[in-house]
Amino acid sequence: MDKVIGALICALIVIAAVWLMRRSWRRRTQRDQGIGGYPLPPEEGEALVDLEALYVASTPREEPLERLAIPGLAFRGTARIRIEAAGLTIRVAGEEPVFIPAGVLSDAETAGWAIDRGVEPEGLVVVRWRAREDGSEDGVAVDSYLRARYEGDRDQIIEAIGTIAASGEAAHPASAPEPPESES
């Protein structure tokens, strides 16, 4: 009888934990539903950097413990990072690609940890940018964390983002093109 009661208590604790996690994620996605990347450019330019990395998380600026559920950047995973003069494209496996125009990129630097990843000092690349937000002209300040897969890739990402952010070739968020309408 004691084993049955113990098993029931354990089952209730697990069910409650799963319910709370699901509820928290649903609230987070509702909170962040108006935040997003920008439409992909109609044509790809010449790649300054095109490599594979691990996408870790996106957080509000200077809040590395608060994950944002931005469409295309909500989950950690293997990603293709493409940097060209127009901006940065992050393609996380299984997600829609996210484009960040050069005009909204601030800079990139190294970090040692983010919400669910702690690595050696300077093991992550943090990309600082302003995400599009419904009802806001200025957008939301975001930090996106990447883990370079191969030695030297980290420096390439930081240098390329520094170059295109300084040039500011892309439009300001308020004048960024609207995504094309899909036909149903």
N, C-alpha and C. Protein backbone atom coordinates (compact mmCIF):
# COMPACT_ATOMS: atom_id res chain seq x y z
N MET A 1 0.82 -1.19 0.00
CA MET A 1 0.00 0.00 0.00
C MET A 1 0.87 1.26 0.00
N ASP A 2 1.98 1.24 0.78
CA ASP A 2 2.85 2.41 0.84
C ASP A 2 3.49 2.69 -0.52
N LYS A 3 3.81 1.61 -1.27
CA LYS A 3 4.40 1.77 -2.60
C LYS A 3 3.42 2.42 -3.56
N VAL A 4 2.15 2.08 -3.46
CA VAL A 4 1.12 2.65 -4.34
C VAL A 4 0.97 4.14 -4.05
N ILE A 5 0.91 4.49 -2.79
CA ILE A 5 0.78 5.90 -2.41
C ILE A 5 2.00 6.69 -2.88
N GLY A 6 3.18 6.14 -2.70
CA GLY A 6 4.41 6.79 -3.16
C GLY A 6 4.42 6.98 -4.67
N ALA A 7 3.97 5.96 -5.40
CA ALA A 7 3.92 6.04 -6.87
C ALA A 7 2.91 7.10 -7.31
N LEU A 8 1.77 7.17 -6.63
CA LEU A 8 0.76 8.18 -6.96
C LEU A 8 1.29 9.60 -6.71
N ILE A 9 1.97 9.77 -5.61
CA ILE A 9 2.54 11.09 -5.30
C ILE A 9 3.58 11.48 -6.35
N CYS A 10 4.44 10.56 -6.72
CA CYS A 10 5.44 10.83 -7.77
C CYS A 10 4.77 11.17 -9.09
N ALA A 11 3.74 10.41 -9.45
CA ALA A 11 3.02 10.66 -10.70
C ALA A 11 2.38 12.05 -10.69
N LEU A 12 1.78 12.43 -9.56
CA LEU A 12 1.17 13.76 -9.45
C LEU A 12 2.21 14.88 -9.57
N ILE A 13 3.37 14.67 -8.99
CA ILE A 13 4.44 15.68 -9.07
C ILE A 13 4.91 15.83 -10.52
N VAL A 14 5.08 14.72 -11.22
CA VAL A 14 5.50 14.77 -12.62
C VAL A 14 4.44 15.45 -13.48
N ILE A 15 3.19 15.09 -13.30
CA ILE A 15 2.09 15.69 -14.06
C ILE A 15 2.02 17.19 -13.80
N ALA A 16 2.15 17.60 -12.55
CA ALA A 16 2.12 19.03 -12.21
C ALA A 16 3.30 19.77 -12.84
N ALA A 17 4.47 19.17 -12.83
CA ALA A 17 5.65 19.82 -13.43
C ALA A 17 5.48 19.98 -14.94
N VAL A 18 4.99 18.96 -15.62
CA VAL A 18 4.76 19.03 -17.07
C VAL A 18 3.71 20.09 -17.38
N TRP A 19 2.64 20.12 -16.61
CA TRP A 19 1.58 21.11 -16.81
C TRP A 19 2.12 22.52 -16.63
N LEU A 20 2.93 22.76 -15.59
CA LEU A 20 3.50 24.08 -15.36
C LEU A 20 4.47 24.50 -16.48
N MET A 21 5.29 23.57 -16.96
CA MET A 21 6.21 23.89 -18.06
C MET A 21 5.43 24.25 -19.33
N ARG A 22 4.41 23.48 -19.63
CA ARG A 22 3.60 23.74 -20.82
C ARG A 22 2.90 25.09 -20.72
N ARG A 23 2.35 25.38 -19.56
CA ARG A 23 1.67 26.66 -19.33
C ARG A 23 2.65 27.83 -19.45
N SER A 24 3.84 27.67 -18.91
CA SER A 24 4.85 28.73 -18.98
C SER A 24 5.26 28.99 -20.43
N TRP A 25 5.47 27.92 -21.20
CA TRP A 25 5.88 28.10 -22.60
C TRP A 25 4.77 28.76 -23.41
N ARG A 26 3.52 28.37 -23.15
CA ARG A 26 2.39 28.98 -23.86
C ARG A 26 2.31 30.47 -23.55
N ARG A 27 2.49 30.85 -22.30
CA ARG A 27 2.47 32.27 -21.93
C ARG A 27 3.62 33.03 -22.59
N ARG A 28 4.79 32.41 -22.65
CA ARG A 28 5.95 33.05 -23.27
C ARG A 28 5.70 33.29 -24.76
N THR A 29 5.14 32.29 -25.46
CA THR A 29 4.88 32.47 -26.89
C THR A 29 3.80 33.51 -27.13
N GLN A 30 2.82 33.60 -26.25
CA GLN A 30 1.81 34.66 -26.38
C GLN A 30 2.43 36.03 -26.13
N ARG A 31 3.28 36.12 -25.13
CA ARG A 31 3.95 37.38 -24.81
C ARG A 31 4.80 37.87 -25.97
N ASP A 32 5.48 36.96 -26.66
CA ASP A 32 6.44 37.32 -27.70
C ASP A 32 5.89 37.21 -29.12
N GLN A 33 4.59 36.99 -29.28
CA GLN A 33 4.05 36.76 -30.61
C GLN A 33 4.19 37.96 -31.55
N GLY A 34 4.31 39.16 -31.05
CA GLY A 34 4.47 40.34 -31.91
C GLY A 34 5.91 40.67 -32.24
N ILE A 35 6.86 39.86 -31.76
CA ILE A 35 8.29 40.12 -31.98
C ILE A 35 8.79 39.15 -33.05
N GLY A 36 9.63 39.65 -33.95
CA GLY A 36 10.14 38.75 -34.98
C GLY A 36 11.29 39.33 -35.77
N GLY A 37 11.79 38.51 -36.68
CA GLY A 37 12.84 38.94 -37.60
C GLY A 37 12.21 39.72 -38.75
N TYR A 38 12.94 39.85 -39.82
CA TYR A 38 12.51 40.63 -40.98
C TYR A 38 12.36 39.71 -42.18
N PRO A 39 11.64 40.16 -43.21
CA PRO A 39 11.48 39.33 -44.41
C PRO A 39 12.83 39.07 -45.08
N LEU A 40 12.98 37.86 -45.62
CA LEU A 40 14.20 37.53 -46.35
C LEU A 40 14.31 38.43 -47.58
N PRO A 41 15.52 38.85 -47.92
CA PRO A 41 15.68 39.65 -49.14
C PRO A 41 15.30 38.81 -50.36
N PRO A 42 14.83 39.47 -51.44
CA PRO A 42 14.41 38.71 -52.62
C PRO A 42 15.54 37.89 -53.25
N GLU A 43 16.76 38.40 -53.15
CA GLU A 43 17.91 37.69 -53.70
C GLU A 43 19.03 37.67 -52.68
N GLU A 44 19.76 36.57 -52.65
CA GLU A 44 20.93 36.50 -51.77
C GLU A 44 22.10 37.22 -52.42
N GLY A 45 22.86 37.94 -51.61
CA GLY A 45 24.07 38.58 -52.11
C GLY A 45 25.26 37.66 -51.90
N GLU A 46 26.43 38.21 -52.13
CA GLU A 46 27.66 37.44 -51.93
C GLU A 46 27.88 37.23 -50.44
N ALA A 47 28.12 35.99 -50.06
CA ALA A 47 28.30 35.65 -48.64
C ALA A 47 29.68 36.08 -48.15
N LEU A 48 29.68 36.84 -47.04
CA LEU A 48 30.93 37.15 -46.35
C LEU A 48 31.30 35.97 -45.47
N VAL A 49 30.27 35.36 -44.86
CA VAL A 49 30.43 34.18 -44.01
C VAL A 49 29.24 33.27 -44.27
N ASP A 50 29.50 31.98 -44.42
CA ASP A 50 28.44 30.99 -44.59
C ASP A 50 28.94 29.73 -43.89
N LEU A 51 28.41 29.47 -42.71
CA LEU A 51 28.93 28.35 -41.92
C LEU A 51 27.86 27.75 -41.03
N GLU A 52 28.19 26.62 -40.43
CA GLU A 52 27.30 25.93 -39.51
C GLU A 52 27.68 26.30 -38.08
N ALA A 53 26.67 26.49 -37.24
CA ALA A 53 26.89 26.82 -35.83
C ALA A 53 25.75 26.23 -35.02
N LEU A 54 25.84 26.35 -33.72
CA LEU A 54 24.75 25.96 -32.84
C LEU A 54 24.06 27.24 -32.39
N TYR A 55 22.76 27.33 -32.68
CA TYR A 55 21.98 28.47 -32.19
C TYR A 55 21.57 28.13 -30.76
N VAL A 56 21.84 29.03 -29.82
CA VAL A 56 21.57 28.75 -28.41
C VAL A 56 20.26 29.38 -27.95
N ALA A 57 20.12 30.70 -28.05
CA ALA A 57 18.92 31.38 -27.56
C ALA A 57 18.93 32.83 -27.98
N SER A 58 17.76 33.46 -27.88
CA SER A 58 17.63 34.90 -28.02
C SER A 58 16.99 35.41 -26.74
N THR A 59 17.54 36.51 -26.23
CA THR A 59 17.07 37.07 -24.97
C THR A 59 16.91 38.58 -25.13
N PRO A 60 16.14 39.22 -24.24
CA PRO A 60 16.13 40.67 -24.26
C PRO A 60 17.55 41.18 -23.97
N ARG A 61 17.92 42.33 -24.52
CA ARG A 61 19.26 42.89 -24.36
C ARG A 61 19.67 42.91 -22.90
N GLU A 62 20.85 42.38 -22.62
CA GLU A 62 21.45 42.36 -21.29
C GLU A 62 20.65 41.56 -20.25
N GLU A 63 19.79 40.66 -20.71
CA GLU A 63 19.05 39.76 -19.80
C GLU A 63 19.25 38.32 -20.26
N PRO A 64 20.44 37.75 -20.08
CA PRO A 64 20.74 36.44 -20.65
C PRO A 64 20.01 35.26 -20.01
N LEU A 65 19.19 35.50 -19.01
CA LEU A 65 18.43 34.41 -18.39
C LEU A 65 16.95 34.42 -18.76
N GLU A 66 16.53 35.32 -19.65
CA GLU A 66 15.12 35.45 -20.04
C GLU A 66 14.97 35.16 -21.52
N ARG A 67 14.58 33.94 -21.87
CA ARG A 67 14.46 33.52 -23.27
C ARG A 67 13.28 34.22 -23.94
N LEU A 68 13.48 34.59 -25.21
CA LEU A 68 12.39 35.09 -26.05
C LEU A 68 11.96 33.97 -26.99
N ALA A 69 10.67 33.88 -27.24
CA ALA A 69 10.14 32.86 -28.16
C ALA A 69 9.85 33.51 -29.51
N ILE A 70 10.90 33.97 -30.17
CA ILE A 70 10.78 34.61 -31.47
C ILE A 70 10.59 33.52 -32.53
N PRO A 71 9.59 33.65 -33.41
CA PRO A 71 9.42 32.63 -34.45
C PRO A 71 10.70 32.42 -35.25
N GLY A 72 11.10 31.16 -35.38
CA GLY A 72 12.34 30.81 -36.06
C GLY A 72 13.54 30.76 -35.14
N LEU A 73 13.44 31.43 -33.96
CA LEU A 73 14.53 31.45 -33.00
C LEU A 73 14.08 31.03 -31.60
N ALA A 74 13.01 30.29 -31.51
CA ALA A 74 12.47 29.91 -30.21
C ALA A 74 13.21 28.73 -29.59
N PHE A 75 13.77 27.86 -30.44
CA PHE A 75 14.38 26.64 -29.93
C PHE A 75 15.86 26.54 -30.31
N ARG A 76 16.62 25.96 -29.42
CA ARG A 76 18.05 25.73 -29.68
C ARG A 76 18.20 24.64 -30.73
N GLY A 77 19.23 24.77 -31.58
CA GLY A 77 19.46 23.73 -32.57
C GLY A 77 20.61 24.08 -33.49
N THR A 78 20.95 23.14 -34.35
CA THR A 78 21.97 23.37 -35.36
C THR A 78 21.45 24.41 -36.34
N ALA A 79 22.32 25.34 -36.72
CA ALA A 79 21.89 26.42 -37.60
C ALA A 79 22.90 26.69 -38.70
N ARG A 80 22.41 27.25 -39.78
CA ARG A 80 23.26 27.74 -40.87
C ARG A 80 23.28 29.26 -40.71
N ILE A 81 24.46 29.82 -40.61
CA ILE A 81 24.65 31.26 -40.44
C ILE A 81 25.20 31.81 -41.74
N ARG A 82 24.49 32.76 -42.31
CA ARG A 82 24.92 33.39 -43.57
C ARG A 82 24.94 34.90 -43.35
N ILE A 83 26.11 35.48 -43.56
CA ILE A 83 26.26 36.93 -43.41
C ILE A 83 26.66 37.49 -44.76
N GLU A 84 25.90 38.47 -45.21
CA GLU A 84 26.19 39.18 -46.45
C GLU A 84 26.02 40.67 -46.18
N ALA A 85 26.31 41.50 -47.15
CA ALA A 85 26.25 42.95 -46.96
C ALA A 85 24.88 43.41 -46.48
N ALA A 86 23.82 42.74 -46.93
CA ALA A 86 22.47 43.14 -46.55
C ALA A 86 22.11 42.77 -45.12
N GLY A 87 22.75 41.76 -44.55
CA GLY A 87 22.42 41.36 -43.19
C GLY A 87 22.81 39.93 -42.87
N LEU A 88 22.22 39.42 -41.81
CA LEU A 88 22.50 38.09 -41.27
C LEU A 88 21.26 37.22 -41.40
N THR A 89 21.42 36.00 -41.89
CA THR A 89 20.33 35.04 -41.94
C THR A 89 20.70 33.86 -41.04
N ILE A 90 19.77 33.51 -40.14
CA ILE A 90 19.95 32.36 -39.25
C ILE A 90 18.88 31.33 -39.63
N ARG A 91 19.33 30.16 -40.05
CA ARG A 91 18.41 29.07 -40.40
C ARG A 91 18.60 27.93 -39.40
N VAL A 92 17.75 27.89 -38.38
CA VAL A 92 17.81 26.83 -37.38
C VAL A 92 17.09 25.61 -37.97
N ALA A 93 17.68 24.44 -37.83
CA ALA A 93 17.09 23.22 -38.39
C ALA A 93 15.66 23.05 -37.91
N GLY A 94 14.74 22.85 -38.86
CA GLY A 94 13.34 22.63 -38.54
C GLY A 94 12.54 23.90 -38.31
N GLU A 95 13.16 25.05 -38.45
CA GLU A 95 12.47 26.33 -38.22
C GLU A 95 12.53 27.19 -39.48
N GLU A 96 11.69 28.21 -39.53
CA GLU A 96 11.73 29.18 -40.63
C GLU A 96 12.99 30.02 -40.49
N PRO A 97 13.62 30.40 -41.60
CA PRO A 97 14.82 31.26 -41.51
C PRO A 97 14.46 32.65 -40.98
N VAL A 98 15.39 33.25 -40.27
CA VAL A 98 15.21 34.59 -39.73
C VAL A 98 16.28 35.49 -40.33
N PHE A 99 15.85 36.62 -40.89
CA PHE A 99 16.77 37.58 -41.49
C PHE A 99 16.87 38.79 -40.58
N ILE A 100 18.10 39.25 -40.38
CA ILE A 100 18.36 40.44 -39.56
C ILE A 100 19.13 41.42 -40.45
N PRO A 101 18.47 42.50 -40.91
CA PRO A 101 19.14 43.46 -41.79
C PRO A 101 20.33 44.13 -41.11
N ALA A 102 21.32 44.52 -41.91
CA ALA A 102 22.51 45.19 -41.39
C ALA A 102 22.15 46.45 -40.61
N GLY A 103 21.10 47.13 -41.01
CA GLY A 103 20.70 48.38 -40.36
C GLY A 103 20.20 48.22 -38.94
N VAL A 104 19.82 47.00 -38.54
CA VAL A 104 19.35 46.79 -37.17
C VAL A 104 20.36 46.01 -36.32
N LEU A 105 21.47 45.62 -36.94
CA LEU A 105 22.54 44.96 -36.19
C LEU A 105 23.37 46.01 -35.47
N SER A 106 23.63 45.80 -34.18
CA SER A 106 24.48 46.72 -33.42
C SER A 106 25.93 46.27 -33.48
N ASP A 107 26.16 45.04 -33.02
CA ASP A 107 27.51 44.49 -33.00
C ASP A 107 27.45 43.02 -32.60
N ALA A 108 28.61 42.42 -32.50
CA ALA A 108 28.74 41.04 -32.03
C ALA A 108 29.98 40.97 -31.17
N GLU A 109 29.92 40.18 -30.12
CA GLU A 109 31.06 39.99 -29.22
C GLU A 109 30.96 38.60 -28.61
N THR A 110 31.90 38.27 -27.76
CA THR A 110 31.89 36.95 -27.14
C THR A 110 31.20 36.99 -25.77
N ALA A 111 30.74 35.81 -25.36
CA ALA A 111 30.11 35.65 -24.05
C ALA A 111 30.46 34.25 -23.55
N GLY A 112 30.30 34.01 -22.27
CA GLY A 112 30.61 32.72 -21.69
C GLY A 112 29.40 31.91 -21.31
N TRP A 113 28.20 32.56 -21.31
CA TRP A 113 27.01 31.80 -20.93
C TRP A 113 25.75 32.53 -21.40
N ALA A 114 24.69 31.78 -21.51
CA ALA A 114 23.35 32.29 -21.80
C ALA A 114 22.38 31.38 -21.07
N ILE A 115 21.11 31.56 -21.29
CA ILE A 115 20.07 30.91 -20.49
C ILE A 115 20.27 29.42 -20.24
N ASP A 116 20.60 28.65 -21.22
CA ASP A 116 20.72 27.22 -20.99
C ASP A 116 22.05 26.65 -21.47
N ARG A 117 23.04 27.49 -21.53
CA ARG A 117 24.34 27.03 -22.03
C ARG A 117 25.45 27.78 -21.32
N GLY A 118 26.31 27.05 -20.66
CA GLY A 118 27.52 27.61 -20.08
C GLY A 118 28.71 26.96 -20.75
N VAL A 119 29.63 27.76 -21.24
CA VAL A 119 30.79 27.24 -21.97
C VAL A 119 32.04 27.94 -21.44
N GLU A 120 33.17 27.63 -22.06
CA GLU A 120 34.41 28.29 -21.66
C GLU A 120 34.27 29.80 -21.88
N PRO A 121 35.09 30.61 -21.19
CA PRO A 121 35.02 32.05 -21.40
C PRO A 121 35.17 32.36 -22.90
N GLU A 122 34.35 33.24 -23.39
CA GLU A 122 34.34 33.68 -24.79
C GLU A 122 33.99 32.55 -25.75
N GLY A 123 33.23 31.56 -25.30
CA GLY A 123 32.86 30.43 -26.15
C GLY A 123 31.61 30.66 -26.98
N LEU A 124 30.83 31.68 -26.65
CA LEU A 124 29.63 31.99 -27.41
C LEU A 124 29.82 33.32 -28.14
N VAL A 125 29.08 33.49 -29.22
CA VAL A 125 29.02 34.78 -29.91
C VAL A 125 27.64 35.36 -29.61
N VAL A 126 27.61 36.57 -29.10
CA VAL A 126 26.33 37.25 -28.86
C VAL A 126 26.17 38.32 -29.94
N VAL A 127 25.07 38.20 -30.69
CA VAL A 127 24.76 39.14 -31.76
C VAL A 127 23.70 40.09 -31.22
N ARG A 128 24.00 41.37 -31.22
CA ARG A 128 23.07 42.39 -30.71
C ARG A 128 22.33 43.03 -31.89
N TRP A 129 20.98 43.06 -31.79
CA TRP A 129 20.16 43.60 -32.87
C TRP A 129 18.82 44.09 -32.34
N ARG A 130 18.04 44.74 -33.19
CA ARG A 130 16.71 45.21 -32.82
C ARG A 130 15.69 44.42 -33.62
N ALA A 131 14.88 43.63 -32.91
CA ALA A 131 13.85 42.81 -33.54
C ALA A 131 12.63 43.68 -33.88
N ARG A 132 11.94 43.28 -34.90
CA ARG A 132 10.70 43.92 -35.30
C ARG A 132 9.65 43.64 -34.21
N GLU A 133 8.85 44.65 -33.85
CA GLU A 133 7.79 44.45 -32.86
C GLU A 133 6.54 45.15 -33.34
N ASP A 134 5.41 44.43 -33.33
CA ASP A 134 4.15 45.02 -33.74
C ASP A 134 3.83 46.23 -32.88
N GLY A 135 3.46 47.33 -33.51
CA GLY A 135 3.07 48.52 -32.79
C GLY A 135 4.23 49.37 -32.30
N SER A 136 5.46 49.01 -32.63
CA SER A 136 6.62 49.78 -32.19
C SER A 136 7.46 50.17 -33.40
N GLU A 137 7.85 51.42 -33.46
CA GLU A 137 8.68 51.88 -34.56
C GLU A 137 10.14 51.49 -34.35
N ASP A 138 10.57 51.42 -33.09
CA ASP A 138 11.98 51.15 -32.80
C ASP A 138 12.31 49.68 -32.63
N GLY A 139 11.32 48.84 -32.38
CA GLY A 139 11.58 47.41 -32.18
C GLY A 139 12.06 47.11 -30.78
N VAL A 140 12.55 45.89 -30.59
CA VAL A 140 13.00 45.40 -29.28
C VAL A 140 14.48 45.06 -29.36
N ALA A 141 15.24 45.50 -28.38
CA ALA A 141 16.68 45.18 -28.33
C ALA A 141 16.84 43.72 -27.92
N VAL A 142 17.55 42.95 -28.76
CA VAL A 142 17.68 41.50 -28.57
C VAL A 142 19.15 41.10 -28.63
N ASP A 143 19.50 40.10 -27.84
CA ASP A 143 20.80 39.43 -27.93
C ASP A 143 20.53 38.00 -28.38
N SER A 144 21.17 37.58 -29.47
CA SER A 144 21.05 36.19 -29.93
C SER A 144 22.41 35.53 -29.76
N TYR A 145 22.41 34.34 -29.18
CA TYR A 145 23.64 33.63 -28.84
C TYR A 145 23.88 32.48 -29.80
N LEU A 146 25.11 32.40 -30.31
CA LEU A 146 25.53 31.34 -31.22
C LEU A 146 26.78 30.68 -30.67
N ARG A 147 26.94 29.42 -30.96
CA ARG A 147 28.16 28.69 -30.59
C ARG A 147 28.81 28.22 -31.88
N ALA A 148 29.96 28.78 -32.20
CA ALA A 148 30.68 28.41 -33.41
C ALA A 148 31.10 26.95 -33.33
N ARG A 149 30.99 26.27 -34.44
CA ARG A 149 31.31 24.84 -34.46
C ARG A 149 32.80 24.57 -34.59
N TYR A 150 33.50 25.39 -35.37
CA TYR A 150 34.92 25.14 -35.63
C TYR A 150 35.76 26.34 -35.21
N GLU A 151 36.99 26.06 -34.85
CA GLU A 151 37.90 27.12 -34.43
C GLU A 151 38.06 28.14 -35.56
N GLY A 152 38.03 29.39 -35.22
CA GLY A 152 38.16 30.46 -36.21
C GLY A 152 36.83 30.98 -36.69
N ASP A 153 35.77 30.16 -36.61
CA ASP A 153 34.44 30.61 -37.06
C ASP A 153 33.92 31.75 -36.20
N ARG A 154 34.18 31.68 -34.90
CA ARG A 154 33.71 32.73 -33.98
C ARG A 154 34.24 34.09 -34.42
N ASP A 155 35.54 34.17 -34.70
CA ASP A 155 36.14 35.43 -35.11
C ASP A 155 35.59 35.91 -36.45
N GLN A 156 35.33 34.97 -37.38
CA GLN A 156 34.75 35.34 -38.67
C GLN A 156 33.38 35.97 -38.50
N ILE A 157 32.55 35.39 -37.64
CA ILE A 157 31.20 35.91 -37.40
C ILE A 157 31.28 37.32 -36.82
N ILE A 158 32.10 37.49 -35.78
CA ILE A 158 32.21 38.79 -35.13
C ILE A 158 32.73 39.85 -36.09
N GLU A 159 33.74 39.52 -36.87
CA GLU A 159 34.32 40.48 -37.82
C GLU A 159 33.31 40.86 -38.90
N ALA A 160 32.61 39.87 -39.47
CA ALA A 160 31.65 40.15 -40.54
C ALA A 160 30.49 40.98 -40.04
N ILE A 161 29.98 40.67 -38.86
CA ILE A 161 28.86 41.45 -38.32
C ILE A 161 29.32 42.87 -38.00
N GLY A 162 30.52 43.02 -37.45
CA GLY A 162 31.06 44.35 -37.20
C GLY A 162 31.17 45.16 -38.48
N THR A 163 31.57 44.52 -39.57
CA THR A 163 31.72 45.20 -40.85
C THR A 163 30.37 45.66 -41.40
N ILE A 164 29.38 44.77 -41.44
CA ILE A 164 28.10 45.16 -42.03
C ILE A 164 27.29 46.07 -41.11
N ALA A 165 27.45 45.91 -39.79
CA ALA A 165 26.74 46.80 -38.87
C ALA A 165 27.27 48.22 -39.00
N ALA A 166 28.57 48.35 -39.21
CA ALA A 166 29.17 49.68 -39.37
C ALA A 166 28.75 50.33 -40.67
N SER A 167 28.54 49.50 -41.72
CA SER A 167 28.17 50.06 -43.02
C SER A 167 26.70 50.45 -43.05
N GLY A 168 25.86 49.72 -42.30
CA GLY A 168 24.43 50.04 -42.21
C GLY A 168 23.74 50.08 -43.55
N GLU A 169 24.04 49.13 -44.45
CA GLU A 169 23.47 49.15 -45.79
C GLU A 169 21.97 48.88 -45.82
N ALA A 170 21.45 48.19 -44.82
CA ALA A 170 20.02 47.84 -44.85
C ALA A 170 19.19 48.97 -44.28
N ALA A 171 17.90 48.89 -44.53
CA ALA A 171 16.97 49.92 -44.09
C ALA A 171 16.73 49.87 -42.59
N HIS A 172 16.28 50.98 -42.05
CA HIS A 172 15.85 51.05 -40.65
C HIS A 172 14.62 50.17 -40.51
N PRO A 173 14.35 49.60 -39.32
CA PRO A 173 13.22 48.69 -39.14
C PRO A 173 11.90 49.26 -39.65
N ALA A 174 11.67 50.55 -39.46
CA ALA A 174 10.39 51.14 -39.86
C ALA A 174 10.22 51.11 -41.37
N SER A 175 11.32 51.10 -42.12
CA SER A 175 11.21 51.12 -43.58
C SER A 175 11.56 49.78 -44.21
N ALA A 176 11.68 48.73 -43.40
CA ALA A 176 11.99 47.40 -43.93
C ALA A 176 10.81 46.91 -44.76
N PRO A 177 11.06 46.18 -45.83
CA PRO A 177 9.97 45.72 -46.69
C PRO A 177 9.06 44.74 -45.97
N GLU A 178 7.81 44.76 -46.36
CA GLU A 178 6.82 43.83 -45.79
C GLU A 178 6.99 42.47 -46.46
N PRO A 179 6.67 41.39 -45.74
CA PRO A 179 6.78 40.07 -46.35
C PRO A 179 5.73 39.93 -47.45
N PRO A 180 6.03 39.15 -48.49
CA PRO A 180 5.03 38.95 -49.56
C PRO A 180 3.84 38.18 -49.02
N GLU A 181 2.65 38.54 -49.54
CA GLU A 181 1.45 37.85 -49.10
C GLU A 181 1.38 36.49 -49.77
N SER A 182 1.02 35.48 -48.99
CA SER A 182 0.92 34.14 -49.55
C SER A 182 -0.50 33.92 -50.06
N GLU A 183 -0.60 33.22 -51.17
CA GLU A 183 -1.90 32.93 -51.74
C GLU A 183 -2.41 31.63 -51.15
N SER A 184 -3.68 31.65 -50.78
CA SER A 184 -4.28 30.44 -50.19
C SER A 184 -5.01 29.64 -51.21
